[in-house]
Amino acid sequence: MTIIVRKKPGESDDQLVSAFRRKAFSEDVVSEAKERQYYEKPSARRHRRQEELARGRRK
């Protein structure tokens, strides 16, 4: 889960930050951090995921 972005010669700091953000979003780090922000009991997690699946089937 560790994201490593190395600065290349001639690369600006803005480009480095941009590369980090792209990599973080592609590895889904942000959404996982939001999910793990608060503890959720396993039964509540199962219940929430079942509701999400049912909502997806209805659409």
N, C-alpha and C. Protein backbone atom coordinates (compact mmCIF):
# COMPACT_ATOMS: atom_id res chain seq x y z
N MET A 1 0.81 -1.18 0.00
CA MET A 1 0.00 0.00 0.00
C MET A 1 0.87 1.25 0.00
N THR A 2 2.14 1.10 0.11
CA THR A 2 3.03 2.24 0.09
C THR A 2 3.19 2.74 -1.34
N ILE A 3 3.07 4.03 -1.51
CA ILE A 3 3.23 4.64 -2.83
C ILE A 3 4.57 5.34 -2.87
N ILE A 4 5.38 4.98 -3.84
CA ILE A 4 6.69 5.58 -3.99
C ILE A 4 6.75 6.27 -5.34
N VAL A 5 7.06 7.56 -5.33
CA VAL A 5 7.23 8.33 -6.55
C VAL A 5 8.57 9.03 -6.44
N ARG A 6 9.47 8.73 -7.38
CA ARG A 6 10.79 9.34 -7.35
C ARG A 6 10.84 10.52 -8.32
N LYS A 7 11.56 11.54 -7.92
CA LYS A 7 11.69 12.73 -8.76
C LYS A 7 12.73 12.47 -9.84
N LYS A 8 12.34 12.70 -11.08
CA LYS A 8 13.24 12.51 -12.21
C LYS A 8 14.01 13.80 -12.45
N PRO A 9 15.17 13.72 -13.07
CA PRO A 9 15.93 14.94 -13.36
C PRO A 9 15.11 15.87 -14.26
N GLY A 10 15.05 17.13 -13.89
CA GLY A 10 14.32 18.11 -14.68
C GLY A 10 12.83 18.15 -14.40
N GLU A 11 12.35 17.33 -13.48
CA GLU A 11 10.92 17.30 -13.15
C GLU A 11 10.64 18.31 -12.04
N SER A 12 9.58 19.09 -12.22
CA SER A 12 9.25 20.10 -11.21
C SER A 12 8.52 19.44 -10.04
N ASP A 13 8.42 20.19 -8.95
CA ASP A 13 7.71 19.68 -7.78
C ASP A 13 6.23 19.47 -8.09
N ASP A 14 5.66 20.36 -8.89
CA ASP A 14 4.25 20.22 -9.26
C ASP A 14 4.00 18.93 -10.04
N GLN A 15 4.92 18.60 -10.93
CA GLN A 15 4.78 17.36 -11.70
C GLN A 15 4.90 16.14 -10.78
N LEU A 16 5.76 16.24 -9.79
CA LEU A 16 5.95 15.15 -8.84
C LEU A 16 4.67 14.93 -8.02
N VAL A 17 4.08 16.02 -7.55
CA VAL A 17 2.83 15.92 -6.79
C VAL A 17 1.73 15.36 -7.67
N SER A 18 1.68 15.80 -8.92
CA SER A 18 0.68 15.31 -9.86
C SER A 18 0.84 13.80 -10.09
N ALA A 19 2.06 13.34 -10.23
CA ALA A 19 2.32 11.91 -10.41
C ALA A 19 1.88 11.12 -9.18
N PHE A 20 2.14 11.68 -8.00
CA PHE A 20 1.72 11.01 -6.76
C PHE A 20 0.20 10.90 -6.70
N ARG A 21 -0.50 11.98 -7.01
CA ARG A 21 -1.97 11.97 -6.97
C ARG A 21 -2.53 10.95 -7.96
N ARG A 22 -1.98 10.90 -9.18
CA ARG A 22 -2.44 9.93 -10.18
C ARG A 22 -2.26 8.51 -9.66
N LYS A 23 -1.10 8.24 -9.08
CA LYS A 23 -0.81 6.90 -8.58
C LYS A 23 -1.70 6.55 -7.40
N ALA A 24 -1.95 7.50 -6.52
CA ALA A 24 -2.81 7.26 -5.35
C ALA A 24 -4.23 6.95 -5.79
N PHE A 25 -4.76 7.68 -6.76
CA PHE A 25 -6.12 7.42 -7.23
C PHE A 25 -6.19 6.11 -8.00
N SER A 26 -5.16 5.78 -8.78
CA SER A 26 -5.20 4.54 -9.55
C SER A 26 -5.13 3.32 -8.64
N GLU A 27 -4.45 3.44 -7.50
CA GLU A 27 -4.36 2.33 -6.56
C GLU A 27 -5.49 2.37 -5.54
N ASP A 28 -6.41 3.30 -5.68
CA ASP A 28 -7.62 3.39 -4.86
C ASP A 28 -7.31 3.59 -3.37
N VAL A 29 -6.26 4.33 -3.09
CA VAL A 29 -5.84 4.57 -1.72
C VAL A 29 -6.82 5.48 -0.98
N VAL A 30 -7.32 6.48 -1.68
CA VAL A 30 -8.19 7.48 -1.04
C VAL A 30 -9.49 6.84 -0.56
N SER A 31 -10.13 6.05 -1.43
CA SER A 31 -11.40 5.45 -1.02
C SER A 31 -11.19 4.41 0.08
N GLU A 32 -10.07 3.71 0.05
CA GLU A 32 -9.80 2.74 1.11
C GLU A 32 -9.58 3.44 2.44
N ALA A 33 -8.90 4.58 2.41
CA ALA A 33 -8.69 5.34 3.64
C ALA A 33 -10.01 5.84 4.20
N LYS A 34 -10.92 6.26 3.32
CA LYS A 34 -12.23 6.71 3.78
C LYS A 34 -13.01 5.55 4.39
N GLU A 35 -12.90 4.37 3.77
CA GLU A 35 -13.58 3.18 4.30
C GLU A 35 -13.07 2.81 5.68
N ARG A 36 -11.77 2.92 5.88
CA ARG A 36 -11.15 2.50 7.13
C ARG A 36 -11.08 3.60 8.18
N GLN A 37 -11.67 4.75 7.87
CA GLN A 37 -11.61 5.88 8.79
C GLN A 37 -12.26 5.54 10.13
N TYR A 38 -13.37 4.82 10.08
CA TYR A 38 -14.08 4.40 11.29
C TYR A 38 -14.23 2.90 11.27
N TYR A 39 -14.22 2.28 12.45
CA TYR A 39 -14.40 0.84 12.53
C TYR A 39 -15.84 0.49 12.19
N GLU A 40 -15.98 -0.56 11.40
CA GLU A 40 -17.31 -1.05 11.04
C GLU A 40 -17.34 -2.54 11.36
N LYS A 41 -18.34 -2.93 12.14
CA LYS A 41 -18.43 -4.33 12.51
C LYS A 41 -18.59 -5.17 11.24
N PRO A 42 -18.03 -6.40 11.24
CA PRO A 42 -18.13 -7.24 10.06
C PRO A 42 -19.57 -7.48 9.61
N SER A 43 -20.49 -7.65 10.56
CA SER A 43 -21.89 -7.87 10.17
C SER A 43 -22.46 -6.62 9.50
N ALA A 44 -22.10 -5.44 9.99
CA ALA A 44 -22.57 -4.20 9.37
C ALA A 44 -21.97 -4.02 7.99
N ARG A 45 -20.71 -4.42 7.83
CA ARG A 45 -20.05 -4.34 6.53
C ARG A 45 -20.75 -5.24 5.52
N ARG A 46 -21.06 -6.47 5.94
CA ARG A 46 -21.78 -7.40 5.05
C ARG A 46 -23.13 -6.82 4.65
N HIS A 47 -23.84 -6.28 5.63
CA HIS A 47 -25.16 -5.71 5.39
C HIS A 47 -25.08 -4.54 4.40
N ARG A 48 -24.09 -3.67 4.57
CA ARG A 48 -23.92 -2.52 3.68
C ARG A 48 -23.60 -2.97 2.26
N ARG A 49 -22.74 -3.95 2.14
CA ARG A 49 -22.36 -4.42 0.79
C ARG A 49 -23.53 -5.12 0.10
N GLN A 50 -24.34 -5.85 0.86
CA GLN A 50 -25.53 -6.47 0.27
C GLN A 50 -26.49 -5.40 -0.24
N GLU A 51 -26.66 -4.32 0.53
CA GLU A 51 -27.53 -3.23 0.10
C GLU A 51 -26.98 -2.55 -1.16
N GLU A 52 -25.67 -2.39 -1.23
CA GLU A 52 -25.07 -1.78 -2.42
C GLU A 52 -25.30 -2.66 -3.64
N LEU A 53 -25.16 -3.97 -3.49
CA LEU A 53 -25.39 -4.88 -4.60
C LEU A 53 -26.84 -4.84 -5.05
N ALA A 54 -27.75 -4.82 -4.09
CA ALA A 54 -29.18 -4.78 -4.41
C ALA A 54 -29.51 -3.47 -5.13
N ARG A 55 -28.93 -2.38 -4.69
CA ARG A 55 -29.17 -1.08 -5.32
C ARG A 55 -28.65 -1.10 -6.76
N GLY A 56 -27.52 -1.76 -6.97
CA GLY A 56 -26.95 -1.87 -8.31
C GLY A 56 -27.80 -2.73 -9.23
N ARG A 57 -28.42 -3.77 -8.67
CA ARG A 57 -29.27 -4.64 -9.48
C ARG A 57 -30.56 -3.94 -9.90
N ARG A 58 -31.05 -3.05 -9.06
CA ARG A 58 -32.31 -2.35 -9.36
C ARG A 58 -32.15 -1.35 -10.50
N LYS A 59 -30.98 -0.80 -10.65
CA LYS A 59 -30.78 0.23 -11.68
C LYS A 59 -30.72 -0.34 -13.06
